[in-house]
Amino acid sequence: MNKTVEKTERKPIRKNIGYRFAKRAFDIVCSLLALVVLSPVFLVTAVAILVEDGGPVMYKQKRIGKDKKEFNIYKFRSMRKDAEKIHEQMKAQYKSGEVSFKLDDKTDPRITKVGRFIRKTSIDELPQLVNIIAGHMSIVGPRPLPTYEYEDEQKKFGGVYDDRYDVPQGLTCYWQVTFGERGKISFADRMQMDVDYARDAKMWVDIKLIWKTFVGVLFGISGY
């Protein structure tokens, strides 16, 4: 006699209230302090971008956050103004089957000279401190996917990695701190590492990842 196997519904990951409160408080305090301390860096970066390539200084993009909610992420603009058009042309040219198609920063024709420097030093990510204060992101969490990558990920993998959306998306995560190796990690492996973080997430895990990120940026090994 054949038995009907019922599909089990995915159970969302829910962290305890103590961790969630401590994480949010830590995010707000650290982001506010960072904005004050790094304000001269913001000013110099904005001027450098304007001098080389004109405005706008900031780049805004739709991303997918916790619980699959859409928000605008902010970065210092590191690419040419027609970067997205060039991206689609190159993706077709290289016939890439990857959901996330990337080139090395050193050879990517879309990146400006200032952009290459601010990406290597992670300065381009600093405006996301505003996203963190607004509650769209956390300091530590899976990197939020652009909407087009999210749509492709859902089509290709059918929700296999949905656990990654149960926690706030962040500035740094497991695969970000692989540094020189991270450009070699496949999209699927990055998604699995994000799922691993969602399941592992605790304050000591977050602090360890922040420390590794700080060391990487300090010694200039944070770029691809």
N, C-alpha and C. Protein backbone atom coordinates (compact mmCIF):
# COMPACT_ATOMS: atom_id res chain seq x y z
N MET A 1 0.84 -1.20 0.00
CA MET A 1 0.00 0.00 0.00
C MET A 1 0.88 1.25 0.00
N ASN A 2 0.63 2.12 -0.97
CA ASN A 2 1.42 3.33 -1.08
C ASN A 2 0.99 4.36 -0.04
N LYS A 3 1.96 4.97 0.59
CA LYS A 3 1.69 6.03 1.57
C LYS A 3 1.92 7.40 0.94
N THR A 4 1.05 8.31 1.22
CA THR A 4 1.21 9.67 0.73
C THR A 4 2.12 10.44 1.67
N VAL A 5 3.21 10.96 1.13
CA VAL A 5 4.16 11.72 1.94
C VAL A 5 3.76 13.19 1.90
N GLU A 6 3.45 13.74 3.05
CA GLU A 6 3.05 15.13 3.12
C GLU A 6 4.27 16.04 3.18
N LYS A 7 4.21 17.11 2.45
CA LYS A 7 5.29 18.07 2.44
C LYS A 7 5.29 18.86 3.74
N THR A 8 6.41 18.85 4.44
CA THR A 8 6.50 19.57 5.70
C THR A 8 6.75 21.05 5.45
N GLU A 9 6.03 21.89 6.18
CA GLU A 9 6.17 23.34 6.01
C GLU A 9 7.44 23.81 6.72
N ARG A 10 8.16 24.71 6.06
CA ARG A 10 9.39 25.25 6.64
C ARG A 10 9.07 26.05 7.90
N LYS A 11 9.83 25.79 8.95
CA LYS A 11 9.65 26.53 10.20
C LYS A 11 10.65 27.68 10.24
N PRO A 12 10.17 28.92 10.25
CA PRO A 12 11.08 30.07 10.29
C PRO A 12 11.96 30.05 11.53
N ILE A 13 13.18 30.56 11.38
CA ILE A 13 14.10 30.66 12.50
C ILE A 13 13.70 31.87 13.34
N ARG A 14 13.50 31.66 14.62
CA ARG A 14 13.13 32.75 15.51
C ARG A 14 14.13 32.83 16.66
N LYS A 15 14.84 33.93 16.76
CA LYS A 15 15.82 34.13 17.83
C LYS A 15 15.13 34.67 19.08
N ASN A 16 15.72 34.39 20.26
CA ASN A 16 15.10 34.84 21.50
C ASN A 16 15.15 36.37 21.62
N ILE A 17 14.23 36.91 22.40
CA ILE A 17 14.05 38.35 22.51
C ILE A 17 15.28 39.05 23.08
N GLY A 18 16.01 38.37 23.98
CA GLY A 18 17.22 38.95 24.56
C GLY A 18 18.27 39.23 23.51
N TYR A 19 18.49 38.26 22.62
CA TYR A 19 19.47 38.43 21.55
C TYR A 19 19.03 39.52 20.58
N ARG A 20 17.76 39.53 20.22
CA ARG A 20 17.26 40.51 19.26
C ARG A 20 17.38 41.93 19.81
N PHE A 21 17.07 42.10 21.10
CA PHE A 21 17.18 43.41 21.74
C PHE A 21 18.64 43.87 21.80
N ALA A 22 19.53 42.96 22.23
CA ALA A 22 20.96 43.30 22.34
C ALA A 22 21.54 43.63 20.98
N LYS A 23 21.16 42.88 19.96
CA LYS A 23 21.68 43.10 18.61
C LYS A 23 21.23 44.46 18.07
N ARG A 24 19.95 44.78 18.28
CA ARG A 24 19.43 46.06 17.78
C ARG A 24 20.06 47.24 18.50
N ALA A 25 20.21 47.13 19.82
CA ALA A 25 20.84 48.21 20.58
C ALA A 25 22.29 48.40 20.15
N PHE A 26 23.00 47.30 19.97
CA PHE A 26 24.39 47.34 19.53
C PHE A 26 24.49 48.00 18.16
N ASP A 27 23.58 47.64 17.25
CA ASP A 27 23.57 48.21 15.90
C ASP A 27 23.40 49.73 15.92
N ILE A 28 22.44 50.20 16.71
CA ILE A 28 22.14 51.63 16.74
C ILE A 28 23.29 52.43 17.33
N VAL A 29 23.79 51.99 18.49
CA VAL A 29 24.87 52.71 19.16
C VAL A 29 26.12 52.76 18.30
N CYS A 30 26.53 51.61 17.78
CA CYS A 30 27.77 51.54 16.97
C CYS A 30 27.64 52.33 15.67
N SER A 31 26.47 52.28 15.04
CA SER A 31 26.28 53.00 13.77
C SER A 31 26.28 54.51 13.98
N LEU A 32 25.65 54.98 15.04
CA LEU A 32 25.65 56.41 15.33
C LEU A 32 27.06 56.92 15.62
N LEU A 33 27.80 56.17 16.42
CA LEU A 33 29.18 56.55 16.73
C LEU A 33 30.04 56.56 15.45
N ALA A 34 29.84 55.54 14.62
CA ALA A 34 30.61 55.44 13.38
C ALA A 34 30.31 56.61 12.44
N LEU A 35 29.05 57.02 12.36
CA LEU A 35 28.68 58.15 11.51
C LEU A 35 29.39 59.43 11.94
N VAL A 36 29.48 59.63 13.25
CA VAL A 36 30.14 60.82 13.78
C VAL A 36 31.64 60.77 13.50
N VAL A 37 32.26 59.65 13.87
CA VAL A 37 33.71 59.51 13.73
C VAL A 37 34.15 59.54 12.26
N LEU A 38 33.33 58.95 11.40
CA LEU A 38 33.72 58.82 9.99
C LEU A 38 33.18 59.94 9.09
N SER A 39 32.57 60.95 9.67
CA SER A 39 32.01 62.04 8.87
C SER A 39 33.05 62.70 7.94
N PRO A 40 34.32 62.88 8.38
CA PRO A 40 35.32 63.42 7.44
C PRO A 40 35.55 62.50 6.23
N VAL A 41 35.48 61.19 6.45
CA VAL A 41 35.65 60.23 5.35
C VAL A 41 34.50 60.37 4.37
N PHE A 42 33.30 60.55 4.88
CA PHE A 42 32.13 60.76 4.02
C PHE A 42 32.34 61.98 3.13
N LEU A 43 32.81 63.07 3.73
CA LEU A 43 33.00 64.33 2.99
C LEU A 43 34.05 64.18 1.90
N VAL A 44 35.21 63.63 2.24
CA VAL A 44 36.30 63.47 1.27
C VAL A 44 35.88 62.55 0.13
N THR A 45 35.19 61.47 0.47
CA THR A 45 34.73 60.52 -0.55
C THR A 45 33.76 61.18 -1.51
N ALA A 46 32.82 61.94 -0.98
CA ALA A 46 31.83 62.62 -1.82
C ALA A 46 32.50 63.58 -2.79
N VAL A 47 33.46 64.34 -2.29
CA VAL A 47 34.18 65.30 -3.14
C VAL A 47 34.97 64.57 -4.23
N ALA A 48 35.63 63.48 -3.86
CA ALA A 48 36.43 62.71 -4.83
C ALA A 48 35.57 62.16 -5.96
N ILE A 49 34.39 61.67 -5.62
CA ILE A 49 33.48 61.13 -6.64
C ILE A 49 33.01 62.24 -7.57
N LEU A 50 32.67 63.38 -7.01
CA LEU A 50 32.20 64.51 -7.81
C LEU A 50 33.27 65.01 -8.77
N VAL A 51 34.51 65.08 -8.28
CA VAL A 51 35.61 65.57 -9.11
C VAL A 51 35.89 64.62 -10.27
N GLU A 52 35.85 63.32 -10.02
CA GLU A 52 36.18 62.37 -11.09
C GLU A 52 35.04 62.16 -12.08
N ASP A 53 33.81 61.99 -11.57
CA ASP A 53 32.75 61.54 -12.46
C ASP A 53 31.44 62.32 -12.31
N GLY A 54 31.47 63.40 -11.55
CA GLY A 54 30.24 64.16 -11.34
C GLY A 54 29.28 63.44 -10.41
N GLY A 55 28.06 63.97 -10.35
CA GLY A 55 27.05 63.35 -9.48
C GLY A 55 26.26 62.29 -10.23
N PRO A 56 25.46 61.50 -9.52
CA PRO A 56 25.25 61.60 -8.07
C PRO A 56 26.38 60.93 -7.28
N VAL A 57 26.51 61.31 -6.02
CA VAL A 57 27.53 60.74 -5.15
C VAL A 57 27.07 59.38 -4.62
N MET A 58 25.78 59.30 -4.30
CA MET A 58 25.22 58.08 -3.73
C MET A 58 24.57 57.21 -4.79
N TYR A 59 24.57 55.91 -4.50
CA TYR A 59 23.94 54.93 -5.37
C TYR A 59 22.83 54.26 -4.56
N LYS A 60 21.64 54.22 -5.12
CA LYS A 60 20.49 53.60 -4.44
C LYS A 60 20.03 52.39 -5.23
N GLN A 61 19.75 51.31 -4.53
CA GLN A 61 19.33 50.09 -5.22
C GLN A 61 18.32 49.33 -4.36
N LYS A 62 17.33 48.73 -5.01
CA LYS A 62 16.34 47.91 -4.31
C LYS A 62 16.99 46.60 -3.87
N ARG A 63 16.84 46.28 -2.59
CA ARG A 63 17.35 45.04 -2.04
C ARG A 63 16.25 44.32 -1.27
N ILE A 64 16.50 43.04 -0.97
CA ILE A 64 15.55 42.24 -0.22
C ILE A 64 16.09 42.02 1.19
N GLY A 65 15.30 42.42 2.19
CA GLY A 65 15.73 42.34 3.57
C GLY A 65 15.10 41.20 4.34
N LYS A 66 15.08 41.34 5.65
CA LYS A 66 14.48 40.32 6.53
C LYS A 66 13.02 40.10 6.15
N ASP A 67 12.60 38.84 6.23
CA ASP A 67 11.23 38.44 5.87
C ASP A 67 10.86 38.82 4.44
N LYS A 68 11.90 38.95 3.60
CA LYS A 68 11.74 39.22 2.17
C LYS A 68 11.10 40.58 1.88
N LYS A 69 11.29 41.53 2.79
CA LYS A 69 10.77 42.87 2.58
C LYS A 69 11.76 43.70 1.77
N GLU A 70 11.24 44.46 0.82
CA GLU A 70 12.08 45.26 -0.08
C GLU A 70 12.43 46.60 0.57
N PHE A 71 13.68 47.04 0.36
CA PHE A 71 14.10 48.36 0.85
C PHE A 71 15.16 48.93 -0.07
N ASN A 72 15.46 50.21 0.08
CA ASN A 72 16.51 50.87 -0.70
C ASN A 72 17.82 50.83 0.09
N ILE A 73 18.86 50.27 -0.51
CA ILE A 73 20.17 50.26 0.11
C ILE A 73 20.98 51.44 -0.45
N TYR A 74 21.85 52.01 0.38
CA TYR A 74 22.64 53.16 -0.06
C TYR A 74 24.13 52.84 -0.02
N LYS A 75 24.83 53.28 -1.07
CA LYS A 75 26.28 53.13 -1.16
C LYS A 75 26.85 54.39 -1.79
N PHE A 76 28.15 54.61 -1.57
CA PHE A 76 28.84 55.60 -2.38
C PHE A 76 28.98 55.01 -3.78
N ARG A 77 28.72 55.82 -4.79
CA ARG A 77 28.77 55.31 -6.17
C ARG A 77 30.21 55.01 -6.57
N SER A 78 30.46 53.76 -6.92
CA SER A 78 31.80 53.33 -7.31
C SER A 78 31.88 52.96 -8.78
N MET A 79 30.76 53.00 -9.48
CA MET A 79 30.71 52.61 -10.89
C MET A 79 30.23 53.75 -11.77
N ARG A 80 30.46 53.59 -13.05
CA ARG A 80 29.97 54.56 -14.02
C ARG A 80 28.45 54.64 -13.97
N LYS A 81 27.89 55.72 -14.49
CA LYS A 81 26.45 55.93 -14.43
C LYS A 81 25.68 54.92 -15.27
N ASP A 82 26.32 54.35 -16.30
CA ASP A 82 25.65 53.36 -17.16
C ASP A 82 26.06 51.94 -16.79
N ALA A 83 26.43 51.72 -15.53
CA ALA A 83 26.97 50.43 -15.10
C ALA A 83 25.99 49.27 -15.28
N GLU A 84 24.71 49.50 -14.98
CA GLU A 84 23.74 48.41 -15.06
C GLU A 84 23.54 47.94 -16.51
N LYS A 85 23.56 48.88 -17.44
CA LYS A 85 23.44 48.52 -18.86
C LYS A 85 24.64 47.70 -19.30
N ILE A 86 25.84 48.11 -18.88
CA ILE A 86 27.06 47.38 -19.22
C ILE A 86 27.05 45.99 -18.58
N HIS A 87 26.51 45.91 -17.37
CA HIS A 87 26.43 44.63 -16.65
C HIS A 87 25.62 43.61 -17.45
N GLU A 88 24.48 44.03 -17.96
CA GLU A 88 23.64 43.12 -18.74
C GLU A 88 24.32 42.69 -20.03
N GLN A 89 25.05 43.62 -20.67
CA GLN A 89 25.77 43.29 -21.90
C GLN A 89 26.87 42.27 -21.63
N MET A 90 27.61 42.46 -20.53
CA MET A 90 28.71 41.56 -20.20
C MET A 90 28.19 40.19 -19.78
N LYS A 91 27.06 40.17 -19.06
CA LYS A 91 26.48 38.89 -18.64
C LYS A 91 26.09 38.06 -19.85
N ALA A 92 25.53 38.72 -20.87
CA ALA A 92 25.16 38.03 -22.11
C ALA A 92 26.41 37.61 -22.88
N GLN A 93 27.43 38.48 -22.88
CA GLN A 93 28.67 38.19 -23.60
C GLN A 93 29.38 36.97 -23.03
N TYR A 94 29.45 36.90 -21.69
CA TYR A 94 30.14 35.78 -21.04
C TYR A 94 29.24 34.56 -20.88
N LYS A 95 27.95 34.71 -21.24
CA LYS A 95 26.98 33.62 -21.14
C LYS A 95 27.01 32.99 -19.75
N SER A 96 26.96 33.85 -18.75
CA SER A 96 27.05 33.39 -17.37
C SER A 96 25.72 32.78 -16.92
N GLY A 97 25.79 31.58 -16.34
CA GLY A 97 24.62 30.93 -15.79
C GLY A 97 24.45 31.20 -14.31
N GLU A 98 25.40 31.93 -13.74
CA GLU A 98 25.34 32.24 -12.31
C GLU A 98 24.24 33.26 -12.04
N VAL A 99 23.54 33.09 -10.91
CA VAL A 99 22.54 34.08 -10.51
C VAL A 99 23.22 35.42 -10.26
N SER A 100 24.37 35.36 -9.59
CA SER A 100 25.13 36.57 -9.29
C SER A 100 26.38 36.59 -10.16
N PHE A 101 26.41 37.48 -11.16
CA PHE A 101 27.53 37.54 -12.10
C PHE A 101 28.47 38.66 -11.69
N LYS A 102 29.73 38.31 -11.41
CA LYS A 102 30.69 39.30 -10.94
C LYS A 102 31.99 39.19 -11.72
N LEU A 103 32.68 40.33 -11.84
CA LEU A 103 34.02 40.37 -12.41
C LEU A 103 34.98 40.88 -11.35
N ASP A 104 36.26 40.60 -11.53
CA ASP A 104 37.27 41.11 -10.62
C ASP A 104 37.29 42.63 -10.69
N ASP A 105 37.38 43.27 -9.51
CA ASP A 105 37.39 44.73 -9.46
C ASP A 105 38.51 45.35 -10.31
N LYS A 106 39.63 44.65 -10.44
CA LYS A 106 40.78 45.19 -11.17
C LYS A 106 40.53 45.27 -12.67
N THR A 107 39.63 44.41 -13.18
CA THR A 107 39.40 44.36 -14.63
C THR A 107 38.00 44.81 -15.03
N ASP A 108 37.14 45.04 -14.06
CA ASP A 108 35.75 45.43 -14.35
C ASP A 108 35.74 46.85 -14.94
N PRO A 109 35.31 47.01 -16.20
CA PRO A 109 35.36 48.32 -16.86
C PRO A 109 34.34 49.32 -16.31
N ARG A 110 33.41 48.86 -15.49
CA ARG A 110 32.38 49.75 -14.96
C ARG A 110 32.89 50.59 -13.79
N ILE A 111 33.96 50.15 -13.15
CA ILE A 111 34.41 50.77 -11.90
C ILE A 111 35.32 51.96 -12.19
N THR A 112 35.05 53.07 -11.53
CA THR A 112 35.88 54.27 -11.68
C THR A 112 37.16 54.13 -10.84
N LYS A 113 38.08 55.07 -11.00
CA LYS A 113 39.32 55.03 -10.22
C LYS A 113 39.05 55.21 -8.73
N VAL A 114 38.23 56.20 -8.42
CA VAL A 114 37.84 56.41 -7.02
C VAL A 114 37.08 55.18 -6.53
N GLY A 115 36.21 54.66 -7.38
CA GLY A 115 35.41 53.49 -7.03
C GLY A 115 36.26 52.29 -6.66
N ARG A 116 37.35 52.10 -7.41
CA ARG A 116 38.24 50.96 -7.14
C ARG A 116 38.84 51.08 -5.74
N PHE A 117 39.21 52.29 -5.36
CA PHE A 117 39.80 52.50 -4.03
C PHE A 117 38.77 52.31 -2.92
N ILE A 118 37.59 52.91 -3.09
CA ILE A 118 36.61 52.83 -2.00
C ILE A 118 36.02 51.42 -1.87
N ARG A 119 36.03 50.65 -2.96
CA ARG A 119 35.58 49.26 -2.86
C ARG A 119 36.63 48.41 -2.14
N LYS A 120 37.91 48.65 -2.47
CA LYS A 120 38.99 47.89 -1.83
C LYS A 120 39.01 48.13 -0.33
N THR A 121 38.72 49.35 0.08
CA THR A 121 38.76 49.72 1.50
C THR A 121 37.39 49.61 2.17
N SER A 122 36.37 49.21 1.41
CA SER A 122 34.99 49.07 1.89
C SER A 122 34.34 50.40 2.28
N ILE A 123 34.93 51.52 1.87
CA ILE A 123 34.34 52.83 2.15
C ILE A 123 33.00 52.98 1.44
N ASP A 124 32.85 52.33 0.28
CA ASP A 124 31.60 52.44 -0.47
C ASP A 124 30.40 51.93 0.32
N GLU A 125 30.64 51.06 1.32
CA GLU A 125 29.55 50.47 2.10
C GLU A 125 29.11 51.36 3.26
N LEU A 126 29.86 52.39 3.59
CA LEU A 126 29.60 53.18 4.80
C LEU A 126 28.19 53.81 4.86
N PRO A 127 27.61 54.27 3.74
CA PRO A 127 26.26 54.84 3.84
C PRO A 127 25.21 53.86 4.37
N GLN A 128 25.53 52.58 4.36
CA GLN A 128 24.59 51.59 4.89
C GLN A 128 24.43 51.69 6.40
N LEU A 129 25.28 52.49 7.04
CA LEU A 129 25.08 52.77 8.46
C LEU A 129 23.70 53.42 8.67
N VAL A 130 23.28 54.21 7.69
CA VAL A 130 21.95 54.83 7.74
C VAL A 130 20.88 53.76 7.63
N ASN A 131 21.09 52.77 6.76
CA ASN A 131 20.15 51.65 6.65
C ASN A 131 20.03 50.89 7.96
N ILE A 132 21.16 50.75 8.66
CA ILE A 132 21.16 50.02 9.93
C ILE A 132 20.37 50.79 10.98
N ILE A 133 20.61 52.10 11.09
CA ILE A 133 19.88 52.92 12.06
C ILE A 133 18.38 52.90 11.77
N ALA A 134 18.03 52.89 10.48
CA ALA A 134 16.61 52.88 10.07
C ALA A 134 15.95 51.53 10.31
N GLY A 135 16.75 50.51 10.60
CA GLY A 135 16.19 49.18 10.87
C GLY A 135 16.06 48.29 9.66
N HIS A 136 16.58 48.74 8.51
CA HIS A 136 16.53 47.92 7.31
C HIS A 136 17.56 46.79 7.35
N MET A 137 18.66 47.03 8.07
CA MET A 137 19.77 46.10 8.09
C MET A 137 20.36 46.01 9.50
N SER A 138 21.33 45.09 9.64
CA SER A 138 22.10 44.96 10.86
C SER A 138 23.58 45.05 10.48
N ILE A 139 24.46 45.19 11.46
CA ILE A 139 25.89 45.18 11.14
C ILE A 139 26.29 43.81 10.64
N VAL A 140 25.79 42.76 11.29
CA VAL A 140 26.11 41.39 10.89
C VAL A 140 24.84 40.69 10.39
N GLY A 141 24.96 40.05 9.24
CA GLY A 141 23.83 39.31 8.67
C GLY A 141 24.11 39.01 7.21
N PRO A 142 23.33 38.16 6.60
CA PRO A 142 23.52 37.86 5.18
C PRO A 142 23.44 39.14 4.35
N ARG A 143 24.29 39.24 3.34
CA ARG A 143 24.24 40.43 2.47
C ARG A 143 22.91 40.44 1.73
N PRO A 144 22.17 41.57 1.77
CA PRO A 144 20.87 41.63 1.10
C PRO A 144 21.02 41.57 -0.41
N LEU A 145 20.23 40.71 -1.04
CA LEU A 145 20.31 40.54 -2.48
C LEU A 145 19.57 41.64 -3.23
N PRO A 146 20.12 42.09 -4.36
CA PRO A 146 19.35 42.96 -5.25
C PRO A 146 18.08 42.22 -5.67
N THR A 147 17.02 42.95 -5.98
CA THR A 147 15.75 42.30 -6.31
C THR A 147 15.88 41.31 -7.47
N TYR A 148 16.68 41.68 -8.48
CA TYR A 148 16.81 40.78 -9.64
C TYR A 148 17.53 39.49 -9.28
N GLU A 149 18.50 39.55 -8.35
CA GLU A 149 19.18 38.33 -7.90
C GLU A 149 18.25 37.49 -7.05
N TYR A 150 17.44 38.16 -6.22
CA TYR A 150 16.48 37.44 -5.38
C TYR A 150 15.48 36.68 -6.25
N GLU A 151 14.97 37.34 -7.28
CA GLU A 151 14.00 36.70 -8.17
C GLU A 151 14.62 35.49 -8.87
N ASP A 152 15.86 35.64 -9.34
CA ASP A 152 16.55 34.53 -9.99
C ASP A 152 16.83 33.40 -9.00
N GLU A 153 17.20 33.78 -7.77
CA GLU A 153 17.48 32.78 -6.73
C GLU A 153 16.24 31.95 -6.41
N GLN A 154 15.09 32.62 -6.33
CA GLN A 154 13.85 31.92 -6.03
C GLN A 154 13.45 30.98 -7.17
N LYS A 155 13.66 31.44 -8.40
CA LYS A 155 13.33 30.60 -9.56
C LYS A 155 14.25 29.39 -9.66
N LYS A 156 15.53 29.62 -9.43
CA LYS A 156 16.52 28.56 -9.62
C LYS A 156 16.55 27.56 -8.47
N PHE A 157 16.36 28.05 -7.24
CA PHE A 157 16.51 27.16 -6.07
C PHE A 157 15.20 26.91 -5.32
N GLY A 158 14.14 27.62 -5.69
CA GLY A 158 12.83 27.32 -5.13
C GLY A 158 12.69 27.40 -3.62
N GLY A 159 13.34 28.39 -3.02
CA GLY A 159 13.17 28.58 -1.58
C GLY A 159 14.05 27.73 -0.70
N VAL A 160 15.02 27.02 -1.30
CA VAL A 160 15.92 26.17 -0.52
C VAL A 160 16.66 26.96 0.55
N TYR A 161 16.99 28.20 0.24
CA TYR A 161 17.80 29.01 1.15
C TYR A 161 16.97 30.07 1.89
N ASP A 162 15.68 29.86 2.02
CA ASP A 162 14.81 30.87 2.63
C ASP A 162 15.13 31.15 4.10
N ASP A 163 15.82 30.26 4.78
CA ASP A 163 16.20 30.52 6.17
C ASP A 163 17.05 31.79 6.30
N ARG A 164 17.77 32.14 5.25
CA ARG A 164 18.63 33.33 5.30
C ARG A 164 17.83 34.62 5.47
N TYR A 165 16.55 34.59 5.12
CA TYR A 165 15.71 35.78 5.22
C TYR A 165 15.01 35.90 6.57
N ASP A 166 15.27 34.95 7.47
CA ASP A 166 14.65 34.98 8.79
C ASP A 166 15.40 35.88 9.77
N VAL A 167 16.57 36.35 9.37
CA VAL A 167 17.36 37.25 10.23
C VAL A 167 17.62 38.55 9.46
N PRO A 168 17.93 39.65 10.17
CA PRO A 168 18.24 40.90 9.47
C PRO A 168 19.42 40.72 8.53
N GLN A 169 19.33 41.28 7.35
CA GLN A 169 20.44 41.26 6.41
C GLN A 169 21.48 42.27 6.88
N GLY A 170 22.76 42.06 6.53
CA GLY A 170 23.79 42.87 7.16
C GLY A 170 24.92 43.36 6.26
N LEU A 171 25.86 44.03 6.91
CA LEU A 171 27.06 44.54 6.25
C LEU A 171 28.08 43.45 6.02
N THR A 172 28.19 42.53 6.99
CA THR A 172 29.21 41.49 6.90
C THR A 172 28.62 40.15 7.33
N CYS A 173 29.20 39.07 6.82
CA CYS A 173 28.66 37.74 7.09
C CYS A 173 29.79 36.71 6.93
N TYR A 174 29.44 35.44 6.98
CA TYR A 174 30.46 34.38 6.90
C TYR A 174 31.31 34.48 5.64
N TRP A 175 30.66 34.57 4.48
CA TRP A 175 31.46 34.53 3.25
C TRP A 175 32.21 35.85 3.00
N GLN A 176 31.75 36.95 3.60
CA GLN A 176 32.46 38.22 3.46
C GLN A 176 33.85 38.17 4.09
N VAL A 177 34.00 37.39 5.16
CA VAL A 177 35.29 37.36 5.86
C VAL A 177 36.21 36.25 5.36
N THR A 178 35.88 35.65 4.21
CA THR A 178 36.84 34.75 3.56
C THR A 178 37.84 35.55 2.74
N PHE A 179 37.57 36.87 2.59
CA PHE A 179 38.47 37.84 1.96
C PHE A 179 38.97 37.38 0.59
N GLY A 180 40.25 37.09 0.44
CA GLY A 180 40.83 36.78 -0.86
C GLY A 180 40.17 35.61 -1.57
N GLU A 181 39.46 34.77 -0.82
CA GLU A 181 38.82 33.60 -1.42
C GLU A 181 37.36 33.84 -1.80
N ARG A 182 36.77 34.93 -1.31
CA ARG A 182 35.32 35.06 -1.44
C ARG A 182 34.85 35.22 -2.88
N GLY A 183 35.70 35.77 -3.74
CA GLY A 183 35.31 35.91 -5.14
C GLY A 183 35.23 34.57 -5.85
N LYS A 184 35.79 33.52 -5.24
CA LYS A 184 35.78 32.19 -5.85
C LYS A 184 34.61 31.33 -5.35
N ILE A 185 33.87 31.85 -4.37
CA ILE A 185 32.77 31.09 -3.80
C ILE A 185 31.54 31.21 -4.69
N SER A 186 30.93 30.10 -5.04
CA SER A 186 29.76 30.12 -5.91
C SER A 186 28.57 30.76 -5.20
N PHE A 187 27.60 31.18 -5.99
CA PHE A 187 26.41 31.81 -5.44
C PHE A 187 25.70 30.87 -4.48
N ALA A 188 25.55 29.59 -4.88
CA ALA A 188 24.86 28.62 -4.03
C ALA A 188 25.58 28.43 -2.70
N ASP A 189 26.91 28.39 -2.75
CA ASP A 189 27.69 28.24 -1.51
C ASP A 189 27.54 29.46 -0.61
N ARG A 190 27.47 30.65 -1.21
CA ARG A 190 27.26 31.86 -0.42
C ARG A 190 25.90 31.81 0.27
N MET A 191 24.89 31.36 -0.47
CA MET A 191 23.56 31.25 0.11
C MET A 191 23.54 30.26 1.28
N GLN A 192 24.25 29.14 1.12
CA GLN A 192 24.30 28.14 2.20
C GLN A 192 25.02 28.69 3.42
N MET A 193 26.09 29.46 3.19
CA MET A 193 26.80 30.07 4.31
C MET A 193 25.90 31.07 5.04
N ASP A 194 25.04 31.76 4.29
CA ASP A 194 24.08 32.68 4.91
C ASP A 194 23.07 31.92 5.77
N VAL A 195 22.62 30.77 5.27
CA VAL A 195 21.71 29.92 6.04
C VAL A 195 22.40 29.44 7.32
N ASP A 196 23.67 29.06 7.19
CA ASP A 196 24.44 28.62 8.37
C ASP A 196 24.51 29.73 9.41
N TYR A 197 24.73 30.97 8.94
CA TYR A 197 24.78 32.09 9.88
C TYR A 197 23.42 32.27 10.56
N ALA A 198 22.34 32.22 9.79
CA ALA A 198 20.99 32.41 10.36
C ALA A 198 20.73 31.42 11.48
N ARG A 199 21.23 30.22 11.32
CA ARG A 199 21.04 29.18 12.34
C ARG A 199 22.00 29.34 13.51
N ASP A 200 23.21 29.86 13.24
CA ASP A 200 24.24 30.00 14.28
C ASP A 200 24.13 31.29 15.09
N ALA A 201 23.42 32.29 14.56
CA ALA A 201 23.51 33.67 15.05
C ALA A 201 23.35 33.81 16.57
N LYS A 202 24.38 34.39 17.16
CA LYS A 202 24.42 34.74 18.59
C LYS A 202 25.33 35.95 18.70
N MET A 203 25.31 36.63 19.84
CA MET A 203 26.12 37.83 19.99
C MET A 203 27.60 37.54 19.84
N TRP A 204 28.07 36.41 20.38
CA TRP A 204 29.51 36.14 20.28
C TRP A 204 29.91 35.83 18.84
N VAL A 205 28.98 35.24 18.08
CA VAL A 205 29.24 35.00 16.65
C VAL A 205 29.33 36.33 15.92
N ASP A 206 28.41 37.25 16.22
CA ASP A 206 28.40 38.57 15.58
C ASP A 206 29.69 39.34 15.89
N ILE A 207 30.09 39.33 17.16
CA ILE A 207 31.30 40.06 17.56
C ILE A 207 32.54 39.49 16.88
N LYS A 208 32.59 38.17 16.75
CA LYS A 208 33.73 37.54 16.07
C LYS A 208 33.78 37.95 14.60
N LEU A 209 32.63 38.01 13.94
CA LEU A 209 32.59 38.41 12.54
C LEU A 209 32.96 39.88 12.36
N ILE A 210 32.50 40.72 13.30
CA ILE A 210 32.86 42.15 13.24
C ILE A 210 34.37 42.31 13.40
N TRP A 211 34.98 41.57 14.30
CA TRP A 211 36.42 41.65 14.51
C TRP A 211 37.19 41.21 13.26
N LYS A 212 36.77 40.11 12.66
CA LYS A 212 37.43 39.62 11.44
C LYS A 212 37.30 40.63 10.31
N THR A 213 36.13 41.27 10.21
CA THR A 213 35.91 42.27 9.17
C THR A 213 36.81 43.48 9.41
N PHE A 214 36.90 43.93 10.66
CA PHE A 214 37.74 45.07 11.02
C PHE A 214 39.20 44.80 10.67
N VAL A 215 39.69 43.62 11.01
CA VAL A 215 41.08 43.25 10.71
C VAL A 215 41.30 43.22 9.20
N GLY A 216 40.34 42.66 8.47
CA GLY A 216 40.45 42.58 7.02
C GLY A 216 40.51 43.94 6.36
N VAL A 217 39.64 44.85 6.79
CA VAL A 217 39.63 46.21 6.24
C VAL A 217 40.92 46.95 6.62
N LEU A 218 41.34 46.78 7.88
CA LEU A 218 42.54 47.47 8.37
C LEU A 218 43.78 47.10 7.58
N PHE A 219 43.87 45.83 7.20
CA PHE A 219 45.06 45.37 6.47
C PHE A 219 44.83 45.28 4.97
N GLY A 220 43.72 45.85 4.52
CA GLY A 220 43.48 45.95 3.08
C GLY A 220 43.27 44.64 2.38
N ILE A 221 42.63 43.67 3.07
CA ILE A 221 42.40 42.36 2.44
C ILE A 221 40.92 42.07 2.31
N SER A 222 40.11 43.14 2.31
CA SER A 222 38.66 42.93 2.26
C SER A 222 38.12 42.82 0.84
N GLY A 223 38.91 43.20 -0.16
CA GLY A 223 38.39 43.20 -1.53
C GLY A 223 38.45 41.82 -2.16
N TYR A 224 37.76 41.69 -3.31
CA TYR A 224 37.78 40.43 -4.05
C TYR A 224 39.15 40.22 -4.66
